[in-house]
Amino acid sequence: MVLCLSLVLLKNYDTEKLDNPTDFFNGGDFEGYAVKTEGNSILITNNISGDNMGVWLSSTEPITIELGQYVRVWYKNNQALGSSPAKAELDRFEMINENNYSNSALTYDKAIQKALKEIENNDQFQAPVIKSIIYDDVTNTWSIEVGRMQNDYSITINVDDQN
């Protein structure tokens, strides 16, 4: 009997606190999943080292980042203000390509988009954080754990693997 294990797609980072986050983000100021848009701003969040972090990015130009995409960003003047989430003006960004699961009809970002759609009108998730992504190739289902930036509360949203 072959035991099929789900592939955990959560980025696995060292759990130590980071002295210099820009070293960790390969020279960028921040990286994470695009989880929400408001006007000409986009919220990028992550759950690195078990800490929920995020930044609202704004720009005078249209931001071409799509919800669900994992991106590395640079702030104008390397500066973000405030916290939980911070605010910064976007200088530039790059996509971090995630290896898509070969048996899945959906890509990671499309599965995350579907999960975010489930909570878009839920006031409890004003600043959602993608905590884990698991694809089960036996049931053809994505399980996406979404937390809140404000505390450790999270839910798991199951997404059928259909376009």
N, C-alpha and C. Protein backbone atom coordinates (compact mmCIF):
# COMPACT_ATOMS: atom_id res chain seq x y z
N MET A 1 0.85 -1.18 0.00
CA MET A 1 0.00 0.00 0.00
C MET A 1 0.89 1.24 0.00
N VAL A 2 0.58 2.13 -0.85
CA VAL A 2 1.37 3.34 -0.97
C VAL A 2 0.69 4.44 -0.17
N LEU A 3 1.43 5.03 0.68
CA LEU A 3 0.91 6.14 1.47
C LEU A 3 1.18 7.44 0.72
N CYS A 4 0.11 8.14 0.40
CA CYS A 4 0.27 9.42 -0.31
C CYS A 4 0.31 10.53 0.72
N LEU A 5 1.36 11.26 0.71
CA LEU A 5 1.50 12.38 1.63
C LEU A 5 1.20 13.67 0.91
N SER A 6 0.54 14.55 1.60
CA SER A 6 0.29 15.87 1.03
C SER A 6 1.59 16.65 0.99
N LEU A 7 1.73 17.42 -0.02
CA LEU A 7 2.90 18.26 -0.17
C LEU A 7 2.64 19.58 0.54
N VAL A 8 3.46 19.89 1.51
CA VAL A 8 3.30 21.15 2.20
C VAL A 8 4.05 22.21 1.43
N LEU A 9 3.32 23.24 1.04
CA LEU A 9 3.88 24.26 0.18
C LEU A 9 4.24 25.53 0.93
N LEU A 10 4.09 25.50 2.23
CA LEU A 10 4.42 26.67 3.04
C LEU A 10 5.92 26.89 2.96
N LYS A 11 6.30 28.10 2.77
CA LYS A 11 7.71 28.41 2.77
C LYS A 11 8.27 28.08 4.15
N ASN A 12 9.35 27.33 4.19
CA ASN A 12 9.90 26.86 5.45
C ASN A 12 11.13 27.70 5.78
N TYR A 13 10.97 28.63 6.68
CA TYR A 13 12.05 29.53 7.03
C TYR A 13 12.60 29.18 8.41
N ASP A 14 13.81 29.60 8.66
CA ASP A 14 14.41 29.42 9.97
C ASP A 14 13.58 30.17 11.00
N THR A 15 13.40 29.56 12.18
CA THR A 15 12.53 30.16 13.18
C THR A 15 13.23 31.20 14.05
N GLU A 16 14.52 31.42 13.82
CA GLU A 16 15.21 32.44 14.60
C GLU A 16 14.78 33.83 14.18
N LYS A 17 14.84 34.78 15.12
CA LYS A 17 14.58 36.18 14.78
C LYS A 17 15.71 36.68 13.89
N LEU A 18 15.38 37.55 12.99
CA LEU A 18 16.37 38.02 12.02
C LEU A 18 16.92 39.37 12.45
N ASP A 19 18.24 39.47 12.45
CA ASP A 19 18.87 40.75 12.79
C ASP A 19 18.75 41.74 11.65
N ASN A 20 18.86 41.27 10.43
CA ASN A 20 18.81 42.15 9.27
C ASN A 20 17.86 41.55 8.23
N PRO A 21 16.58 41.95 8.26
CA PRO A 21 15.61 41.35 7.34
C PRO A 21 15.96 41.50 5.87
N THR A 22 16.68 42.57 5.47
CA THR A 22 17.00 42.72 4.06
C THR A 22 17.92 41.61 3.58
N ASP A 23 18.77 41.07 4.46
CA ASP A 23 19.58 39.91 4.08
C ASP A 23 18.67 38.72 3.81
N PHE A 24 17.67 38.57 4.65
CA PHE A 24 16.74 37.45 4.52
C PHE A 24 15.91 37.55 3.25
N PHE A 25 15.53 38.75 2.86
CA PHE A 25 14.70 38.94 1.67
C PHE A 25 15.54 39.15 0.41
N ASN A 26 16.76 38.65 0.41
CA ASN A 26 17.64 38.73 -0.76
C ASN A 26 17.77 40.15 -1.29
N GLY A 27 17.94 41.09 -0.40
CA GLY A 27 18.13 42.48 -0.79
C GLY A 27 16.85 43.27 -0.83
N GLY A 28 15.69 42.62 -0.84
CA GLY A 28 14.42 43.33 -0.83
C GLY A 28 14.08 43.81 0.57
N ASP A 29 13.06 44.64 0.68
CA ASP A 29 12.64 45.13 1.98
C ASP A 29 11.61 44.22 2.65
N PHE A 30 10.87 43.43 1.84
CA PHE A 30 9.82 42.59 2.39
C PHE A 30 9.41 41.58 1.32
N GLU A 31 8.87 40.45 1.75
CA GLU A 31 8.27 39.53 0.80
C GLU A 31 7.12 38.80 1.46
N GLY A 32 6.18 38.40 0.62
CA GLY A 32 5.01 37.67 1.12
C GLY A 32 3.97 37.52 0.04
N TYR A 33 2.79 37.11 0.47
CA TYR A 33 1.66 36.91 -0.45
C TYR A 33 0.84 38.18 -0.57
N ALA A 34 0.42 38.50 -1.77
CA ALA A 34 -0.53 39.59 -2.01
C ALA A 34 -1.90 39.08 -1.60
N VAL A 35 -2.53 39.74 -0.61
CA VAL A 35 -3.76 39.20 -0.03
C VAL A 35 -4.98 40.12 -0.12
N LYS A 36 -4.77 41.39 -0.41
CA LYS A 36 -5.91 42.31 -0.43
C LYS A 36 -5.54 43.56 -1.21
N THR A 37 -6.54 44.14 -1.89
CA THR A 37 -6.33 45.41 -2.58
C THR A 37 -7.39 46.40 -2.11
N GLU A 38 -7.00 47.65 -2.08
CA GLU A 38 -7.91 48.76 -1.80
C GLU A 38 -7.44 49.94 -2.63
N GLY A 39 -8.24 50.31 -3.60
CA GLY A 39 -7.84 51.41 -4.48
C GLY A 39 -6.53 51.10 -5.17
N ASN A 40 -5.56 51.99 -5.03
CA ASN A 40 -4.26 51.80 -5.65
C ASN A 40 -3.23 51.29 -4.65
N SER A 41 -3.69 50.48 -3.70
CA SER A 41 -2.81 49.89 -2.69
C SER A 41 -3.02 48.39 -2.64
N ILE A 42 -1.97 47.69 -2.23
CA ILE A 42 -2.05 46.24 -2.10
C ILE A 42 -1.38 45.82 -0.80
N LEU A 43 -1.99 44.86 -0.12
CA LEU A 43 -1.46 44.36 1.15
C LEU A 43 -0.67 43.09 0.89
N ILE A 44 0.58 43.08 1.35
CA ILE A 44 1.46 41.92 1.27
C ILE A 44 1.69 41.45 2.70
N THR A 45 1.44 40.16 2.97
CA THR A 45 1.64 39.64 4.33
C THR A 45 2.45 38.36 4.28
N ASN A 46 3.04 38.03 5.43
CA ASN A 46 3.74 36.75 5.56
C ASN A 46 3.67 36.28 7.01
N ASN A 47 4.11 35.06 7.21
CA ASN A 47 4.12 34.44 8.53
C ASN A 47 5.49 33.82 8.78
N ILE A 48 6.52 34.60 8.55
CA ILE A 48 7.89 34.12 8.72
C ILE A 48 8.21 34.03 10.20
N SER A 49 8.83 32.94 10.58
CA SER A 49 9.22 32.69 11.97
C SER A 49 8.04 32.73 12.93
N GLY A 50 6.84 32.45 12.42
CA GLY A 50 5.65 32.43 13.27
C GLY A 50 5.10 33.80 13.60
N ASP A 51 5.70 34.85 13.07
CA ASP A 51 5.23 36.21 13.29
C ASP A 51 4.43 36.68 12.09
N ASN A 52 3.22 37.18 12.32
CA ASN A 52 2.42 37.74 11.24
C ASN A 52 2.90 39.15 10.96
N MET A 53 3.32 39.38 9.73
CA MET A 53 3.82 40.70 9.34
C MET A 53 3.15 41.11 8.04
N GLY A 54 3.08 42.41 7.80
CA GLY A 54 2.50 42.87 6.56
C GLY A 54 2.83 44.32 6.27
N VAL A 55 2.59 44.69 5.01
CA VAL A 55 2.80 46.07 4.58
C VAL A 55 1.78 46.41 3.50
N TRP A 56 1.14 47.57 3.67
CA TRP A 56 0.30 48.13 2.61
C TRP A 56 1.21 48.91 1.69
N LEU A 57 1.22 48.55 0.41
CA LEU A 57 2.04 49.24 -0.58
C LEU A 57 1.15 50.10 -1.45
N SER A 58 1.60 51.32 -1.69
CA SER A 58 0.85 52.22 -2.57
C SER A 58 1.79 52.67 -3.69
N SER A 59 1.16 53.15 -4.76
CA SER A 59 1.94 53.62 -5.90
C SER A 59 1.08 54.57 -6.72
N THR A 60 1.72 55.52 -7.36
CA THR A 60 0.98 56.39 -8.28
C THR A 60 0.69 55.66 -9.59
N GLU A 61 1.47 54.64 -9.89
CA GLU A 61 1.28 53.80 -11.08
C GLU A 61 0.43 52.59 -10.69
N PRO A 62 -0.27 52.00 -11.63
CA PRO A 62 -1.01 50.77 -11.33
C PRO A 62 -0.05 49.67 -10.83
N ILE A 63 -0.47 48.96 -9.81
CA ILE A 63 0.33 47.86 -9.27
C ILE A 63 -0.13 46.59 -9.96
N THR A 64 0.78 45.91 -10.64
CA THR A 64 0.42 44.75 -11.45
C THR A 64 0.59 43.43 -10.70
N ILE A 65 0.63 43.48 -9.40
CA ILE A 65 0.70 42.27 -8.60
C ILE A 65 -0.72 41.73 -8.45
N GLU A 66 -0.91 40.43 -8.67
CA GLU A 66 -2.22 39.82 -8.52
C GLU A 66 -2.35 39.17 -7.14
N LEU A 67 -3.57 39.13 -6.63
CA LEU A 67 -3.81 38.46 -5.36
C LEU A 67 -3.32 37.01 -5.45
N GLY A 68 -2.73 36.55 -4.37
CA GLY A 68 -2.24 35.18 -4.30
C GLY A 68 -0.80 35.02 -4.73
N GLN A 69 -0.24 36.01 -5.41
CA GLN A 69 1.14 35.89 -5.86
C GLN A 69 2.10 36.15 -4.71
N TYR A 70 3.23 35.44 -4.73
CA TYR A 70 4.28 35.62 -3.74
C TYR A 70 5.32 36.55 -4.36
N VAL A 71 5.58 37.67 -3.70
CA VAL A 71 6.46 38.69 -4.27
C VAL A 71 7.49 39.18 -3.26
N ARG A 72 8.60 39.67 -3.80
CA ARG A 72 9.61 40.40 -3.01
C ARG A 72 9.48 41.86 -3.43
N VAL A 73 9.45 42.77 -2.45
CA VAL A 73 9.23 44.18 -2.76
C VAL A 73 10.34 45.05 -2.17
N TRP A 74 10.52 46.19 -2.82
CA TRP A 74 11.44 47.23 -2.35
C TRP A 74 10.62 48.50 -2.15
N TYR A 75 10.87 49.17 -1.04
CA TYR A 75 10.16 50.42 -0.74
C TYR A 75 10.93 51.60 -1.30
N LYS A 76 10.20 52.65 -1.70
CA LYS A 76 10.87 53.90 -2.06
C LYS A 76 11.60 54.41 -0.83
N ASN A 77 12.82 54.81 -1.01
CA ASN A 77 13.68 55.31 0.07
C ASN A 77 13.89 54.27 1.17
N ASN A 78 13.66 53.00 0.87
CA ASN A 78 13.83 51.91 1.84
C ASN A 78 13.09 52.20 3.15
N GLN A 79 11.92 52.80 3.04
CA GLN A 79 11.25 53.27 4.25
C GLN A 79 9.79 52.81 4.31
N ALA A 80 9.43 52.24 5.47
CA ALA A 80 8.03 51.89 5.76
C ALA A 80 7.68 52.53 7.09
N LEU A 81 6.45 52.99 7.21
CA LEU A 81 6.02 53.68 8.42
C LEU A 81 4.95 52.86 9.14
N GLY A 82 4.95 52.94 10.46
CA GLY A 82 3.94 52.28 11.25
C GLY A 82 4.17 50.79 11.36
N SER A 83 3.17 50.12 11.91
CA SER A 83 3.26 48.67 12.05
C SER A 83 1.87 48.06 12.06
N SER A 84 1.82 46.79 11.86
CA SER A 84 0.60 45.96 11.96
C SER A 84 -0.57 46.38 11.10
N PRO A 85 -0.52 46.48 9.84
CA PRO A 85 0.64 46.42 8.94
C PRO A 85 1.26 47.80 8.72
N ALA A 86 2.50 47.79 8.26
CA ALA A 86 3.20 49.03 7.95
C ALA A 86 2.64 49.59 6.63
N LYS A 87 3.08 50.81 6.30
CA LYS A 87 2.70 51.46 5.04
C LYS A 87 3.96 51.94 4.35
N ALA A 88 4.00 51.71 3.03
CA ALA A 88 5.18 52.13 2.27
C ALA A 88 4.77 52.40 0.84
N GLU A 89 5.60 53.19 0.17
CA GLU A 89 5.40 53.42 -1.26
C GLU A 89 6.25 52.39 -2.01
N LEU A 90 5.63 51.74 -2.98
CA LEU A 90 6.31 50.70 -3.74
C LEU A 90 7.32 51.31 -4.70
N ASP A 91 8.55 50.82 -4.63
CA ASP A 91 9.58 51.21 -5.58
C ASP A 91 9.60 50.21 -6.74
N ARG A 92 9.74 48.92 -6.40
CA ARG A 92 9.73 47.87 -7.41
C ARG A 92 9.42 46.54 -6.73
N PHE A 93 9.17 45.53 -7.56
CA PHE A 93 8.90 44.21 -7.02
C PHE A 93 9.36 43.15 -8.00
N GLU A 94 9.49 41.92 -7.50
CA GLU A 94 9.74 40.78 -8.36
C GLU A 94 8.90 39.62 -7.88
N MET A 95 8.43 38.81 -8.82
CA MET A 95 7.67 37.63 -8.49
C MET A 95 8.63 36.55 -8.02
N ILE A 96 8.22 35.84 -6.99
CA ILE A 96 8.96 34.67 -6.54
C ILE A 96 8.16 33.48 -7.07
N ASN A 97 8.69 32.84 -8.09
CA ASN A 97 7.96 31.73 -8.70
C ASN A 97 7.98 30.53 -7.78
N GLU A 98 6.80 30.02 -7.52
CA GLU A 98 6.68 28.81 -6.72
C GLU A 98 6.48 27.66 -7.69
N ASN A 99 7.08 26.54 -7.39
CA ASN A 99 6.91 25.36 -8.23
C ASN A 99 5.48 24.87 -8.08
N ASN A 100 4.76 24.84 -9.16
CA ASN A 100 3.39 24.37 -9.10
C ASN A 100 3.36 22.86 -8.97
N TYR A 101 2.38 22.38 -8.25
CA TYR A 101 2.22 20.95 -8.05
C TYR A 101 1.76 20.33 -9.36
N SER A 102 2.48 19.36 -9.86
CA SER A 102 2.25 18.85 -11.21
C SER A 102 0.87 18.23 -11.42
N ASN A 103 0.27 17.66 -10.40
CA ASN A 103 -1.04 17.02 -10.55
C ASN A 103 -2.20 17.98 -10.34
N SER A 104 -1.93 19.21 -10.07
CA SER A 104 -2.98 20.18 -9.75
C SER A 104 -3.41 20.97 -10.99
N ALA A 105 -4.71 21.19 -11.12
CA ALA A 105 -5.22 22.04 -12.20
C ALA A 105 -4.98 23.51 -11.88
N LEU A 106 -4.98 23.86 -10.58
CA LEU A 106 -4.77 25.25 -10.16
C LEU A 106 -3.30 25.50 -9.85
N THR A 107 -2.88 26.72 -10.05
CA THR A 107 -1.57 27.16 -9.57
C THR A 107 -1.74 27.62 -8.12
N TYR A 108 -0.64 27.80 -7.41
CA TYR A 108 -0.71 28.26 -6.03
C TYR A 108 -1.49 29.56 -5.92
N ASP A 109 -1.15 30.53 -6.77
CA ASP A 109 -1.80 31.83 -6.66
C ASP A 109 -3.29 31.74 -6.93
N LYS A 110 -3.70 30.89 -7.87
CA LYS A 110 -5.14 30.75 -8.15
C LYS A 110 -5.86 30.07 -6.99
N ALA A 111 -5.23 29.09 -6.36
CA ALA A 111 -5.83 28.44 -5.18
C ALA A 111 -5.97 29.45 -4.04
N ILE A 112 -4.94 30.27 -3.84
CA ILE A 112 -4.99 31.30 -2.79
C ILE A 112 -6.08 32.32 -3.12
N GLN A 113 -6.19 32.71 -4.38
CA GLN A 113 -7.25 33.66 -4.77
C GLN A 113 -8.62 33.12 -4.39
N LYS A 114 -8.86 31.84 -4.64
CA LYS A 114 -10.16 31.25 -4.30
C LYS A 114 -10.38 31.26 -2.79
N ALA A 115 -9.35 30.97 -2.02
CA ALA A 115 -9.47 31.00 -0.55
C ALA A 115 -9.75 32.43 -0.07
N LEU A 116 -9.05 33.40 -0.63
CA LEU A 116 -9.26 34.79 -0.22
C LEU A 116 -10.66 35.27 -0.58
N LYS A 117 -11.19 34.77 -1.69
CA LYS A 117 -12.55 35.13 -2.10
C LYS A 117 -13.57 34.69 -1.03
N GLU A 118 -13.30 33.57 -0.37
CA GLU A 118 -14.18 33.04 0.67
C GLU A 118 -14.28 33.98 1.88
N ILE A 119 -13.24 34.76 2.13
CA ILE A 119 -13.21 35.61 3.33
C ILE A 119 -13.22 37.11 3.02
N GLU A 120 -13.38 37.49 1.76
CA GLU A 120 -13.23 38.89 1.39
C GLU A 120 -14.21 39.82 2.10
N ASN A 121 -15.38 39.35 2.47
CA ASN A 121 -16.36 40.19 3.16
C ASN A 121 -16.43 39.90 4.65
N ASN A 122 -15.47 39.16 5.16
CA ASN A 122 -15.43 38.81 6.58
C ASN A 122 -14.58 39.84 7.31
N ASP A 123 -15.22 40.63 8.18
CA ASP A 123 -14.50 41.70 8.90
C ASP A 123 -13.40 41.17 9.81
N GLN A 124 -13.46 39.90 10.17
CA GLN A 124 -12.42 39.33 11.03
C GLN A 124 -11.09 39.19 10.31
N PHE A 125 -11.13 39.23 8.97
CA PHE A 125 -9.91 39.04 8.18
C PHE A 125 -9.60 40.28 7.35
N GLN A 126 -9.48 41.42 8.03
CA GLN A 126 -9.15 42.65 7.33
C GLN A 126 -7.71 42.66 6.84
N ALA A 127 -6.85 41.91 7.52
CA ALA A 127 -5.45 41.78 7.11
C ALA A 127 -5.09 40.29 7.16
N PRO A 128 -5.53 39.51 6.15
CA PRO A 128 -5.28 38.07 6.17
C PRO A 128 -3.81 37.72 5.95
N VAL A 129 -3.40 36.61 6.55
CA VAL A 129 -2.04 36.11 6.43
C VAL A 129 -2.12 34.65 5.99
N ILE A 130 -1.46 34.31 4.89
CA ILE A 130 -1.40 32.93 4.44
C ILE A 130 -0.36 32.22 5.31
N LYS A 131 -0.83 31.24 6.09
CA LYS A 131 0.06 30.54 7.02
C LYS A 131 0.56 29.22 6.46
N SER A 132 -0.26 28.51 5.71
CA SER A 132 0.19 27.27 5.09
C SER A 132 -0.68 26.94 3.89
N ILE A 133 -0.09 26.18 2.99
CA ILE A 133 -0.78 25.74 1.78
C ILE A 133 -0.44 24.26 1.60
N ILE A 134 -1.47 23.44 1.56
CA ILE A 134 -1.26 22.00 1.40
C ILE A 134 -2.13 21.52 0.25
N TYR A 135 -1.55 20.77 -0.66
CA TYR A 135 -2.32 20.16 -1.73
C TYR A 135 -2.38 18.66 -1.49
N ASP A 136 -3.59 18.10 -1.52
CA ASP A 136 -3.79 16.67 -1.35
C ASP A 136 -4.16 16.09 -2.71
N ASP A 137 -3.24 15.33 -3.29
CA ASP A 137 -3.49 14.80 -4.63
C ASP A 137 -4.42 13.59 -4.63
N VAL A 138 -4.79 13.07 -3.46
CA VAL A 138 -5.77 11.99 -3.38
C VAL A 138 -7.18 12.56 -3.51
N THR A 139 -7.44 13.66 -2.79
CA THR A 139 -8.78 14.28 -2.83
C THR A 139 -8.86 15.45 -3.81
N ASN A 140 -7.71 15.81 -4.42
CA ASN A 140 -7.65 16.96 -5.33
C ASN A 140 -8.19 18.22 -4.66
N THR A 141 -7.69 18.46 -3.46
CA THR A 141 -8.13 19.60 -2.66
C THR A 141 -6.94 20.35 -2.10
N TRP A 142 -7.04 21.66 -2.13
CA TRP A 142 -6.07 22.53 -1.48
C TRP A 142 -6.61 22.87 -0.10
N SER A 143 -5.78 22.83 0.93
CA SER A 143 -6.12 23.30 2.26
C SER A 143 -5.23 24.50 2.54
N ILE A 144 -5.85 25.65 2.68
CA ILE A 144 -5.10 26.89 2.86
C ILE A 144 -5.45 27.46 4.22
N GLU A 145 -4.44 27.54 5.09
CA GLU A 145 -4.65 28.12 6.42
C GLU A 145 -4.45 29.62 6.32
N VAL A 146 -5.48 30.35 6.70
CA VAL A 146 -5.45 31.81 6.65
C VAL A 146 -5.61 32.32 8.07
N GLY A 147 -4.67 33.16 8.49
CA GLY A 147 -4.72 33.76 9.81
C GLY A 147 -5.02 35.24 9.72
N ARG A 148 -5.09 35.83 10.89
CA ARG A 148 -5.29 37.28 10.99
C ARG A 148 -3.99 37.90 11.48
N MET A 149 -3.69 39.06 10.96
CA MET A 149 -2.47 39.74 11.37
C MET A 149 -2.48 40.07 12.87
N GLN A 150 -3.66 40.38 13.40
CA GLN A 150 -3.77 40.88 14.77
C GLN A 150 -3.51 39.83 15.84
N ASN A 151 -3.74 38.54 15.56
CA ASN A 151 -3.53 37.51 16.58
C ASN A 151 -3.33 36.16 15.91
N ASP A 152 -3.30 35.11 16.72
CA ASP A 152 -3.01 33.78 16.20
C ASP A 152 -4.22 33.04 15.67
N TYR A 153 -5.40 33.66 15.67
CA TYR A 153 -6.60 33.00 15.17
C TYR A 153 -6.43 32.69 13.68
N SER A 154 -6.81 31.47 13.28
CA SER A 154 -6.75 31.13 11.86
C SER A 154 -7.85 30.11 11.53
N ILE A 155 -8.14 30.01 10.25
CA ILE A 155 -9.08 29.02 9.76
C ILE A 155 -8.43 28.31 8.58
N THR A 156 -8.92 27.13 8.27
CA THR A 156 -8.46 26.42 7.09
C THR A 156 -9.58 26.43 6.07
N ILE A 157 -9.25 26.87 4.88
CA ILE A 157 -10.22 26.94 3.78
C ILE A 157 -9.85 25.86 2.78
N ASN A 158 -10.80 24.99 2.48
CA ASN A 158 -10.57 23.94 1.48
C ASN A 158 -11.03 24.45 0.12
N VAL A 159 -10.17 24.25 -0.87
CA VAL A 159 -10.45 24.72 -2.23
C VAL A 159 -10.37 23.52 -3.15
N ASP A 160 -11.46 23.26 -3.89
CA ASP A 160 -11.45 22.19 -4.89
C ASP A 160 -10.50 22.57 -6.01
N ASP A 161 -9.77 21.58 -6.49
CA ASP A 161 -8.78 21.81 -7.54
C ASP A 161 -9.44 21.84 -8.92
N GLN A 162 -10.16 22.93 -9.18
CA GLN A 162 -10.82 23.11 -10.47
C GLN A 162 -10.60 24.54 -10.92
N ASN A 163 -10.37 24.71 -12.21
CA ASN A 163 -10.22 26.06 -12.75
C ASN A 163 -11.54 26.78 -12.78
